[in-house]
Protein backbone atom coordinates (compact mmCIF):
# COMPACT_ATOMS: atom_id res chain seq x y z
CA MET A 1 2.09 2.15 -28.59
CA SER A 2 1.97 2.55 -24.82
CA GLU A 3 0.23 0.04 -22.63
CA LYS A 4 -2.65 1.15 -20.47
CA ALA A 5 -1.90 1.05 -16.75
CA GLN A 6 -3.79 -1.53 -14.73
CA THR A 7 -6.60 -0.06 -12.73
CA TYR A 8 -7.21 -0.69 -9.07
CA THR A 9 -9.75 0.21 -6.45
CA VAL A 10 -9.32 1.26 -2.85
CA LYS A 11 -11.90 0.43 -0.21
CA MET A 12 -11.80 1.40 3.45
CA VAL A 13 -13.11 -1.46 5.59
CA ASP A 14 -13.88 -1.91 9.28
CA ALA A 15 -14.22 1.86 9.71
CA THR A 16 -17.19 2.04 12.02
CA GLY A 17 -18.75 5.38 12.77
CA LEU A 18 -17.82 7.10 9.53
CA SER A 19 -20.30 8.60 7.13
CA ALA A 20 -20.15 7.61 3.47
CA ALA A 21 -18.63 11.02 2.68
CA GLN A 22 -15.92 10.61 5.34
CA ARG A 23 -15.08 7.13 4.09
CA SER A 24 -14.96 8.29 0.48
CA ALA A 25 -12.69 11.22 1.38
CA ALA A 26 -10.35 8.93 3.34
CA GLU A 27 -10.19 6.52 0.40
CA LEU A 28 -9.32 9.39 -1.94
CA ARG A 29 -6.62 10.69 0.41
CA PHE A 30 -5.17 7.19 0.67
CA ARG A 31 -5.18 6.71 -3.09
CA MET A 32 -3.57 10.07 -3.82
CA ALA A 33 -0.87 9.62 -1.16
CA LEU A 34 -0.12 6.06 -2.29
CA GLU A 35 0.23 7.18 -5.90
CA LEU A 36 2.58 9.95 -4.83
CA GLY A 37 4.58 7.48 -2.72
CA VAL A 38 5.18 5.00 -5.55
CA GLY A 39 5.82 7.53 -8.30
CA GLY A 40 2.42 7.99 -9.87
CA PRO A 41 -0.85 6.21 -10.60
CA ASP A 42 0.73 3.99 -13.26
CA TYR A 43 3.07 2.47 -10.68
CA VAL A 44 0.66 1.38 -7.94
CA VAL A 45 -0.25 -2.01 -9.39
CA PRO A 46 3.30 -2.91 -10.52
CA ALA A 47 4.71 -1.82 -7.14
CA LEU A 48 2.12 -3.88 -5.26
CA GLN A 49 2.76 -6.91 -7.46
CA ALA A 50 6.53 -6.55 -7.02
CA CYS A 51 6.10 -6.39 -3.25
CA MET A 52 3.87 -9.46 -3.23
CA LEU A 53 6.39 -11.35 -5.36
CA ALA A 54 9.30 -10.30 -3.15
CA ARG A 55 7.39 -11.41 -0.04
CA SER A 56 6.65 -14.77 -1.60
CA LEU A 57 10.31 -15.25 -2.55
CA LEU A 58 11.46 -14.44 0.98
CA GLY A 59 8.65 -16.26 2.77
CA ASP A 60 10.45 -19.55 3.43
CA LEU A 61 13.88 -18.17 4.28
CA THR A 62 15.46 -18.31 7.71
CA PRO A 63 16.39 -15.03 9.44
CA GLU A 64 20.04 -15.76 8.66
CA GLU A 65 19.28 -16.20 4.97
CA LEU A 66 17.16 -13.04 4.92
CA ALA A 67 20.11 -11.03 6.20
CA GLU A 68 22.28 -12.05 3.26
CA ASP A 69 23.09 -9.46 0.60
CA ASP A 70 21.63 -11.80 -2.03
CA TYR A 71 18.15 -10.66 -0.97
CA SER A 72 18.75 -6.93 -0.63
CA ALA A 73 16.73 -6.09 -3.75
CA GLU A 74 13.70 -7.98 -2.48
CA ARG A 75 13.99 -6.34 0.94
CA GLU A 76 14.21 -2.92 -0.73
CA VAL A 77 11.10 -3.54 -2.84
CA ILE A 78 9.14 -4.53 0.26
CA ALA A 79 10.43 -1.55 2.24
CA LEU A 80 9.55 0.89 -0.53
CA TRP A 81 5.98 -0.41 -0.76
CA GLU A 82 5.49 -0.52 3.01
CA ASN A 83 6.81 3.02 3.38
CA ALA A 84 4.45 4.35 0.71
CA GLU A 85 1.52 2.42 2.18
CA ASP A 86 2.25 3.57 5.75
CA LYS A 87 2.40 7.22 4.65
CA ALA A 88 -0.83 6.81 2.69
CA ILE A 89 -2.60 5.37 5.73
CA MET A 90 -1.39 8.22 7.93
CA THR A 91 -2.46 10.78 5.33
CA ALA A 92 -5.88 9.20 4.98
CA LEU A 93 -6.61 8.87 8.70
CA LYS A 94 -5.06 12.02 10.15
CA PRO A 95 -7.96 14.38 9.31
CA LEU A 96 -10.39 12.08 11.11
CA ASN A 97 -8.77 13.02 14.44
CA ARG A 98 -9.69 9.80 16.22
CA ASP A 99 -8.63 6.23 16.76
CA MET A 100 -9.96 4.18 13.86
CA GLY A 101 -9.43 0.82 15.57
CA ASP A 102 -9.31 -1.98 13.00
CA ALA A 103 -9.93 0.25 9.97
CA ARG A 104 -7.79 -0.58 6.96
CA PHE A 105 -7.58 0.00 3.24
CA GLU A 106 -7.96 -2.83 0.75
CA ILE A 107 -6.46 -2.51 -2.71
CA ASN A 108 -8.13 -4.63 -5.37
CA ILE A 109 -6.57 -5.15 -8.76
């Protein structure tokens, strides 16, 4: 029996000047690009949770400790998530053709 993937929601916040349709389209573009970036919809929540865990494990380390090979897996997990998220943001905002200021996407599990 396969387990059902955890669901999540995406909400664009602090996006002043957008219509509801523009905001909804940007949220959909973000979601689709993020899912593509992490390997599919079933991997978004586990990838986000892995990134959050890796960040918490590295949070109290000195820069010298962070550079050690012992933490390369954690650094890789964070980099993979951040790369997928950055690409998703660019994909979502590019069609709007304007500076979106403080706009961001919140992912809620």
